[in-house]
Amino acid sequence: MVEQIRRQIALGLIAAGSALPPERELVKLFGVGRVTVQLAIGQLEAERVIEIRRGRAGGSFVIAPSSDDRALDYRLIELRRESDRVLEALEYRQIIEPAAAGVAARLCRKGELREIESTLERSEGAVDDAEFMRWDTAFHLAIANATRNRFLAEAVERVRLSMSSVLSLLPDTEVWHDISNRQHREILDALKKKDSERAAELMRRHASSADKSVRSLLKSLSRR
């Protein structure tokens, strides 16, 4: 259950600052006992993934790493420990996401294109990094889903999960967001034109941009 909740948070299905469903809803959702839910919440709180707030407006709320020193320290430690895995995920992403974009360009339907464009518009209108990351992830998953190939969709989701901790630690700047959104817009245009080769190449370049930033971050952490 902990991994399932962590997965939803990592993919942005539960955004930073949002509350988890109440205990009774989690019991029904996961089909487990209340004690199991309480233990899962306790573990996530200990990892500084969530914080517990008391009172009438209380509950379990997702923490943005950049807004909490303890959460940030925990994720930096986790990132150092998982650096080899992250590097493997970067290499895998360079293969799988361009392939997915190429297939999506050939097969995507009008409704799927509207869904992809909707995630991009929400990303462009994001007011903070947490919201931007949520819709950035949704953009990539929407393209993967447009392939209508469960293996490609699962592969893109899996690599996104493997990189979620490091992506959330990249610089939160308007310049970074603008570059990413512009690259997304170019990819979307290629999808609309059903230009498979261009969509794959643009996705490869987009992945390469993030690759450089992530490697720089990992390199700086190794020196500490």
C-alpha atoms as a PDB file:
ATOM      1  CA  MET A   1       0.000   0.000   0.000  1.00  0.00           C
ATOM      2  CA  VAL A   2       2.843   2.416   0.790  1.00  0.00           C
ATOM      3  CA  GLU A   3       4.283   1.899  -2.683  1.00  0.00           C
ATOM      4  CA  GLN A   4       0.897   2.459  -4.316  1.00  0.00           C
ATOM      5  CA  ILE A   5       0.406   5.779  -2.540  1.00  0.00           C
ATOM      6  CA  ARG A   6       4.009   6.790  -3.208  1.00  0.00           C
ATOM      7  CA  ARG A   7       3.490   5.947  -6.899  1.00  0.00           C
ATOM      8  CA  GLN A   8       0.420   8.173  -7.146  1.00  0.00           C
ATOM      9  CA  ILE A   9       2.322  11.019  -5.485  1.00  0.00           C
ATOM     10  CA  ALA A  10       5.380  10.513  -7.703  1.00  0.00           C
ATOM     11  CA  LEU A  11       3.272  10.608 -10.856  1.00  0.00           C
ATOM     12  CA  GLY A  12       1.463  13.723  -9.679  1.00  0.00           C
ATOM     13  CA  LEU A  13      -1.908  12.014  -9.322  1.00  0.00           C
ATOM     14  CA  ILE A  14      -1.839  13.428  -5.798  1.00  0.00           C
ATOM     15  CA  ALA A  15      -0.128  16.812  -6.061  1.00  0.00           C
ATOM     16  CA  ALA A  16       2.132  18.455  -3.502  1.00  0.00           C
ATOM     17  CA  GLY A  17      -0.012  20.291  -0.975  1.00  0.00           C
ATOM     18  CA  SER A  18      -3.015  18.061  -1.588  1.00  0.00           C
ATOM     19  CA  ALA A  19      -4.578  15.891   1.085  1.00  0.00           C
ATOM     20  CA  LEU A  20      -4.724  12.124   0.948  1.00  0.00           C
ATOM     21  CA  PRO A  21      -8.218  10.631   1.142  1.00  0.00           C
ATOM     22  CA  PRO A  22      -9.469  10.008   4.717  1.00  0.00           C
ATOM     23  CA  GLU A  23      -8.532   6.722   6.397  1.00  0.00           C
ATOM     24  CA  ARG A  24     -11.953   5.173   5.829  1.00  0.00           C
ATOM     25  CA  GLU A  25     -11.701   5.857   2.081  1.00  0.00           C
ATOM     26  CA  LEU A  26      -8.178   4.411   1.920  1.00  0.00           C
ATOM     27  CA  VAL A  27      -9.454   1.268   3.658  1.00  0.00           C
ATOM     28  CA  LYS A  28     -12.091   0.818   0.942  1.00  0.00           C
ATOM     29  CA  LEU A  29      -9.769   1.848  -1.892  1.00  0.00           C
ATOM     30  CA  PHE A  30      -6.994  -0.613  -1.038  1.00  0.00           C
ATOM     31  CA  GLY A  31      -9.113  -3.304   0.586  1.00  0.00           C
ATOM     32  CA  VAL A  32      -7.017  -3.407   3.758  1.00  0.00           C
ATOM     33  CA  GLY A  33      -7.619  -2.920   7.461  1.00  0.00           C
ATOM     34  CA  ARG A  34      -7.440   0.397   9.288  1.00  0.00           C
ATOM     35  CA  VAL A  35      -4.235  -0.618  11.081  1.00  0.00           C
ATOM     36  CA  THR A  36      -2.529  -1.240   7.718  1.00  0.00           C
ATOM     37  CA  VAL A  37      -3.588   2.210   6.550  1.00  0.00           C
ATOM     38  CA  GLN A  38      -2.304   3.821   9.744  1.00  0.00           C
ATOM     39  CA  LEU A  39       1.052   2.040   9.436  1.00  0.00           C
ATOM     40  CA  ALA A  40       1.374   3.171   5.806  1.00  0.00           C
ATOM     41  CA  ILE A  41       0.567   6.767   6.743  1.00  0.00           C
ATOM     42  CA  GLY A  42       3.102   6.576   9.576  1.00  0.00           C
ATOM     43  CA  GLN A  43       5.842   5.349   7.229  1.00  0.00           C
ATOM     44  CA  LEU A  44       5.150   8.064   4.662  1.00  0.00           C
ATOM     45  CA  GLU A  45       5.200  10.676   7.435  1.00  0.00           C
ATOM     46  CA  ALA A  46       8.549   9.333   8.713  1.00  0.00           C
ATOM     47  CA  GLU A  47       9.960   9.628   5.181  1.00  0.00           C
ATOM     48  CA  ARG A  48       8.637  13.220   4.999  1.00  0.00           C
ATOM     49  CA  VAL A  49       6.539  12.387   1.950  1.00  0.00           C
ATOM     50  CA  ILE A  50       3.465  13.615   3.834  1.00  0.00           C
ATOM     51  CA  GLU A  51       2.769  15.649   6.957  1.00  0.00           C
ATOM     52  CA  ILE A  52      -0.080  15.209   9.440  1.00  0.00           C
ATOM     53  CA  ARG A  53      -2.097  18.303  10.292  1.00  0.00           C
ATOM     54  CA  ARG A  54      -4.462  18.305  13.249  1.00  0.00           C
ATOM     55  CA  GLY A  55      -7.749  20.118  13.715  1.00  0.00           C
ATOM     56  CA  ARG A  56     -10.904  20.635  11.693  1.00  0.00           C
ATOM     57  CA  ALA A  57      -8.982  21.225   8.455  1.00  0.00           C
ATOM     58  CA  GLY A  58      -6.466  18.510   9.287  1.00  0.00           C
ATOM     59  CA  GLY A  59      -5.418  15.402   7.431  1.00  0.00           C
ATOM     60  CA  SER A  60      -2.423  13.889   5.643  1.00  0.00           C
ATOM     61  CA  PHE A  61      -0.901  16.346   3.169  1.00  0.00           C
ATOM     62  CA  VAL A  62       1.755  15.735   0.503  1.00  0.00           C
ATOM     63  CA  ILE A  63       4.968  17.687   1.085  1.00  0.00           C
ATOM     64  CA  ALA A  64       6.841  19.416  -1.720  1.00  0.00           C
ATOM     65  CA  PRO A  65      10.558  18.546  -1.167  1.00  0.00           C
ATOM     66  CA  SER A  66      11.725  22.095  -1.775  1.00  0.00           C
ATOM     67  CA  SER A  67       9.428  23.469   0.938  1.00  0.00           C
ATOM     68  CA  ASP A  68      10.614  21.224   3.773  1.00  0.00           C
ATOM     69  CA  ASP A  69      14.238  20.854   4.854  1.00  0.00           C
ATOM     70  CA  ARG A  70      13.771  17.390   6.347  1.00  0.00           C
ATOM     71  CA  ALA A  71      11.937  16.145   3.250  1.00  0.00           C
ATOM     72  CA  LEU A  72      14.640  17.594   1.032  1.00  0.00           C
ATOM     73  CA  ASP A  73      17.423  15.997   3.098  1.00  0.00           C
ATOM     74  CA  TYR A  74      15.671  12.621   2.997  1.00  0.00           C
ATOM     75  CA  ARG A  75      15.261  12.733  -0.778  1.00  0.00           C
ATOM     76  CA  LEU A  76      18.849  13.846  -1.328  1.00  0.00           C
ATOM     77  CA  ILE A  77      20.051  10.879   0.733  1.00  0.00           C
ATOM     78  CA  GLU A  78      17.723   8.589  -1.209  1.00  0.00           C
ATOM     79  CA  LEU A  79      18.995  10.028  -4.496  1.00  0.00           C
ATOM     80  CA  ARG A  80      22.639   9.436  -3.582  1.00  0.00           C
ATOM     81  CA  ARG A  81      21.797   5.844  -2.682  1.00  0.00           C
ATOM     82  CA  GLU A  82      19.850   5.302  -5.928  1.00  0.00           C
ATOM     83  CA  SER A  83      22.160   7.234  -8.283  1.00  0.00           C
ATOM     84  CA  ASP A  84      23.119   4.177 -10.342  1.00  0.00           C
ATOM     85  CA  ARG A  85      19.467   3.304 -10.823  1.00  0.00           C
ATOM     86  CA  VAL A  86      18.678   6.861 -11.911  1.00  0.00           C
ATOM     87  CA  LEU A  87      21.490   6.770 -14.483  1.00  0.00           C
ATOM     88  CA  GLU A  88      20.123   3.503 -15.860  1.00  0.00           C
ATOM     89  CA  ALA A  89      16.674   5.106 -16.056  1.00  0.00           C
ATOM     90  CA  LEU A  90      18.122   8.033 -18.032  1.00  0.00           C
ATOM     91  CA  GLU A  91      19.614   5.658 -20.589  1.00  0.00           C
ATOM     92  CA  TYR A  92      16.394   3.670 -20.800  1.00  0.00           C
ATOM     93  CA  ARG A  93      14.361   6.839 -21.258  1.00  0.00           C
ATOM     94  CA  GLN A  94      16.494   7.814 -24.252  1.00  0.00           C
ATOM     95  CA  ILE A  95      15.330   4.608 -25.900  1.00  0.00           C
ATOM     96  CA  ILE A  96      11.738   4.172 -24.803  1.00  0.00           C
ATOM     97  CA  GLU A  97      10.258   7.692 -24.917  1.00  0.00           C
ATOM     98  CA  PRO A  98      11.332   8.531 -28.494  1.00  0.00           C
ATOM     99  CA  ALA A  99       9.991   5.131 -29.557  1.00  0.00           C
ATOM    100  CA  ALA A 100       6.669   5.857 -27.854  1.00  0.00           C
ATOM    101  CA  ALA A 101       6.449   9.308 -29.477  1.00  0.00           C
ATOM    102  CA  GLY A 102       7.089   7.777 -32.906  1.00  0.00           C
ATOM    103  CA  VAL A 103       4.358   5.185 -32.465  1.00  0.00           C
ATOM    104  CA  ALA A 104       1.936   7.761 -31.037  1.00  0.00           C
ATOM    105  CA  ALA A 105       2.486   9.997 -34.080  1.00  0.00           C
ATOM    106  CA  ARG A 106       1.327   7.170 -36.326  1.00  0.00           C
ATOM    107  CA  LEU A 107      -1.623   6.002 -34.262  1.00  0.00           C
ATOM    108  CA  CYS A 108      -2.961   8.831 -32.081  1.00  0.00           C
ATOM    109  CA  ARG A 109      -6.575   9.863 -32.594  1.00  0.00           C
ATOM    110  CA  LYS A 110      -8.164  13.296 -32.309  1.00  0.00           C
ATOM    111  CA  GLY A 111      -9.357  12.653 -28.761  1.00  0.00           C
ATOM    112  CA  GLU A 112      -5.887  11.559 -27.682  1.00  0.00           C
ATOM    113  CA  LEU A 113      -4.347  14.638 -29.303  1.00  0.00           C
ATOM    114  CA  ARG A 114      -6.820  16.822 -27.389  1.00  0.00           C
ATOM    115  CA  GLU A 115      -5.813  15.095 -24.149  1.00  0.00           C
ATOM    116  CA  ILE A 116      -2.105  15.639 -24.874  1.00  0.00           C
ATOM    117  CA  GLU A 117      -2.703  19.296 -25.750  1.00  0.00           C
ATOM    118  CA  SER A 118      -4.810  19.773 -22.610  1.00  0.00           C
ATOM    119  CA  THR A 119      -1.946  18.577 -20.394  1.00  0.00           C
ATOM    120  CA  LEU A 120       0.424  20.944 -22.212  1.00  0.00           C
ATOM    121  CA  GLU A 121      -1.901  23.916 -21.724  1.00  0.00           C
ATOM    122  CA  ARG A 122      -2.149  23.122 -18.013  1.00  0.00           C
ATOM    123  CA  SER A 123       1.636  22.860 -17.821  1.00  0.00           C
ATOM    124  CA  GLU A 124       2.001  26.223 -19.552  1.00  0.00           C
ATOM    125  CA  GLY A 125      -0.415  27.752 -17.041  1.00  0.00           C
ATOM    126  CA  ALA A 126       1.178  26.179 -13.959  1.00  0.00           C
ATOM    127  CA  VAL A 127       1.624  28.597 -11.058  1.00  0.00           C
ATOM    128  CA  ASP A 128       4.341  26.645  -9.236  1.00  0.00           C
ATOM    129  CA  ASP A 129       6.834  23.823  -9.732  1.00  0.00           C
ATOM    130  CA  ALA A 130       4.601  21.152  -8.171  1.00  0.00           C
ATOM    131  CA  GLU A 131       1.795  21.932 -10.612  1.00  0.00           C
ATOM    132  CA  PHE A 132       4.236  22.115 -13.515  1.00  0.00           C
ATOM    133  CA  MET A 133       5.702  18.698 -12.668  1.00  0.00           C
ATOM    134  CA  ARG A 134       2.218  17.218 -12.364  1.00  0.00           C
ATOM    135  CA  TRP A 135       1.228  18.236 -15.884  1.00  0.00           C
ATOM    136  CA  ASP A 136       4.691  17.621 -17.323  1.00  0.00           C
ATOM    137  CA  THR A 137       4.330  14.004 -16.219  1.00  0.00           C
ATOM    138  CA  ALA A 138       0.754  13.864 -17.524  1.00  0.00           C
ATOM    139  CA  PHE A 139       1.983  15.050 -20.948  1.00  0.00           C
ATOM    140  CA  HIS A 140       4.474  12.203 -21.244  1.00  0.00           C
ATOM    141  CA  LEU A 141       2.017   9.601 -19.976  1.00  0.00           C
ATOM    142  CA  ALA A 142      -0.669  10.838 -22.385  1.00  0.00           C
ATOM    143  CA  ILE A 143       1.692  10.338 -25.317  1.00  0.00           C
ATOM    144  CA  ALA A 144       2.557   6.860 -24.074  1.00  0.00           C
ATOM    145  CA  ASN A 145      -1.128   5.998 -23.700  1.00  0.00           C
ATOM    146  CA  ALA A 146      -1.769   7.246 -27.251  1.00  0.00           C
ATOM    147  CA  THR A 147       0.369   4.367 -28.553  1.00  0.00           C
ATOM    148  CA  ARG A 148      -2.381   2.026 -27.277  1.00  0.00           C
ATOM    149  CA  ASN A 149       0.420  -0.368 -26.430  1.00  0.00           C
ATOM    150  CA  ARG A 150       0.336  -1.442 -22.788  1.00  0.00           C
ATOM    151  CA  PHE A 151       4.014  -2.372 -22.764  1.00  0.00           C
ATOM    152  CA  LEU A 152       5.126   1.034 -24.026  1.00  0.00           C
ATOM    153  CA  ALA A 153       2.747   2.800 -21.648  1.00  0.00           C
ATOM    154  CA  GLU A 154       3.982   0.767 -18.678  1.00  0.00           C
ATOM    155  CA  ALA A 155       7.610   1.331 -19.687  1.00  0.00           C
ATOM    156  CA  VAL A 156       7.212   5.114 -19.861  1.00  0.00           C
ATOM    157  CA  GLU A 157       5.388   5.152 -16.523  1.00  0.00           C
ATOM    158  CA  ARG A 158       8.052   2.975 -14.935  1.00  0.00           C
ATOM    159  CA  VAL A 159      10.939   5.154 -16.098  1.00  0.00           C
ATOM    160  CA  ARG A 160       9.073   8.256 -14.935  1.00  0.00           C
ATOM    161  CA  LEU A 161       8.672   6.726 -11.503  1.00  0.00           C
ATOM    162  CA  SER A 162      12.372   5.850 -11.363  1.00  0.00           C
ATOM    163  CA  MET A 163      13.255   9.478 -12.113  1.00  0.00           C
ATOM    164  CA  SER A 164      10.552  11.197 -10.052  1.00  0.00           C
ATOM    165  CA  SER A 165      12.762  11.993  -7.066  1.00  0.00           C
ATOM    166  CA  VAL A 166      15.479  13.625  -9.141  1.00  0.00           C
ATOM    167  CA  LEU A 167      13.102  15.483 -11.481  1.00  0.00           C
ATOM    168  CA  SER A 168      11.448  17.123  -8.465  1.00  0.00           C
ATOM    169  CA  LEU A 169      14.853  18.459  -7.393  1.00  0.00           C
ATOM    170  CA  LEU A 170      15.742  20.177 -10.673  1.00  0.00           C
ATOM    171  CA  PRO A 171      15.759  24.008 -10.667  1.00  0.00           C
ATOM    172  CA  ASP A 172      12.310  25.579 -10.307  1.00  0.00           C
ATOM    173  CA  THR A 173      12.673  28.482 -12.736  1.00  0.00           C
ATOM    174  CA  GLU A 174      10.462  30.069 -15.369  1.00  0.00           C
ATOM    175  CA  VAL A 175      13.263  29.633 -17.896  1.00  0.00           C
ATOM    176  CA  TRP A 176      13.364  25.878 -17.265  1.00  0.00           C
ATOM    177  CA  HIS A 177       9.574  25.638 -17.535  1.00  0.00           C
ATOM    178  CA  ASP A 178       9.474  27.727 -20.719  1.00  0.00           C
ATOM    179  CA  ILE A 179      12.116  25.585 -22.432  1.00  0.00           C
ATOM    180  CA  SER A 180      10.321  22.381 -21.497  1.00  0.00           C
ATOM    181  CA  ASN A 181       6.930  23.702 -22.604  1.00  0.00           C
ATOM    182  CA  ARG A 182       8.347  24.919 -25.898  1.00  0.00           C
ATOM    183  CA  GLN A 183       9.853  21.495 -26.559  1.00  0.00           C
ATOM    184  CA  HIS A 184       6.532  19.878 -25.645  1.00  0.00           C
ATOM    185  CA  ARG A 185       4.736  22.174 -28.096  1.00  0.00           C
ATOM    186  CA  GLU A 186       7.101  21.112 -30.889  1.00  0.00           C
ATOM    187  CA  ILE A 187       6.492  17.452 -30.082  1.00  0.00           C
ATOM    188  CA  LEU A 188       2.731  18.022 -30.132  1.00  0.00           C
ATOM    189  CA  ASP A 189       2.964  19.694 -33.554  1.00  0.00           C
ATOM    190  CA  ALA A 190       4.820  16.660 -34.917  1.00  0.00           C
ATOM    191  CA  LEU A 191       2.151  14.361 -33.456  1.00  0.00           C
ATOM    192  CA  LYS A 192      -0.609  16.395 -35.129  1.00  0.00           C
ATOM    193  CA  LYS A 193       1.204  16.139 -38.469  1.00  0.00           C
ATOM    194  CA  LYS A 194       1.678  12.386 -37.912  1.00  0.00           C
ATOM    195  CA  ASP A 195       5.387  12.884 -38.513  1.00  0.00           C
ATOM    196  CA  SER A 196       6.721   9.836 -36.705  1.00  0.00           C
ATOM    197  CA  GLU A 197      10.422  10.460 -37.335  1.00  0.00           C
ATOM    198  CA  ARG A 198      10.279  14.096 -36.227  1.00  0.00           C
ATOM    199  CA  ALA A 199       8.229  13.275 -33.127  1.00  0.00           C
ATOM    200  CA  ALA A 200      10.777  10.636 -32.105  1.00  0.00           C
ATOM    201  CA  GLU A 201      13.727  12.963 -32.751  1.00  0.00           C
ATOM    202  CA  LEU A 202      12.167  15.869 -30.848  1.00  0.00           C
ATOM    203  CA  MET A 203      11.439  13.589 -27.903  1.00  0.00           C
ATOM    204  CA  ARG A 204      15.033  12.361 -27.986  1.00  0.00           C
ATOM    205  CA  ARG A 205      16.289  15.974 -27.822  1.00  0.00           C
ATOM    206  CA  HIS A 206      13.853  16.765 -25.029  1.00  0.00           C
ATOM    207  CA  ALA A 207      15.025  13.752 -23.017  1.00  0.00           C
ATOM    208  CA  SER A 208      18.648  14.763 -23.646  1.00  0.00           C
ATOM    209  CA  SER A 209      18.041  18.215 -22.129  1.00  0.00           C
ATOM    210  CA  ALA A 210      16.741  16.683 -18.909  1.00  0.00           C
ATOM    211  CA  ASP A 211      19.519  14.072 -19.023  1.00  0.00           C
ATOM    212  CA  LYS A 212      22.212  16.781 -18.838  1.00  0.00           C
ATOM    213  CA  SER A 213      20.521  18.551 -15.930  1.00  0.00           C
ATOM    214  CA  VAL A 214      20.036  15.330 -13.963  1.00  0.00           C
ATOM    215  CA  ARG A 215      23.632  14.222 -14.500  1.00  0.00           C
ATOM    216  CA  SER A 216      24.874  17.619 -13.325  1.00  0.00           C
ATOM    217  CA  LEU A 217      22.751  17.320 -10.182  1.00  0.00           C
ATOM    218  CA  LEU A 218      24.018  13.810  -9.458  1.00  0.00           C
ATOM    219  CA  LYS A 219      27.607  14.949 -10.010  1.00  0.00           C
ATOM    220  CA  SER A 220      27.207  17.815  -7.547  1.00  0.00           C
ATOM    221  CA  LEU A 221      25.691  15.482  -4.941  1.00  0.00           C
ATOM    222  CA  SER A 222      28.600  13.045  -5.251  1.00  0.00           C
ATOM    223  CA  ARG A 223      30.998  15.807  -4.184  1.00  0.00           C
ATOM    224  CA  ARG A 224      29.195  16.506  -0.901  1.00  0.00           C
END
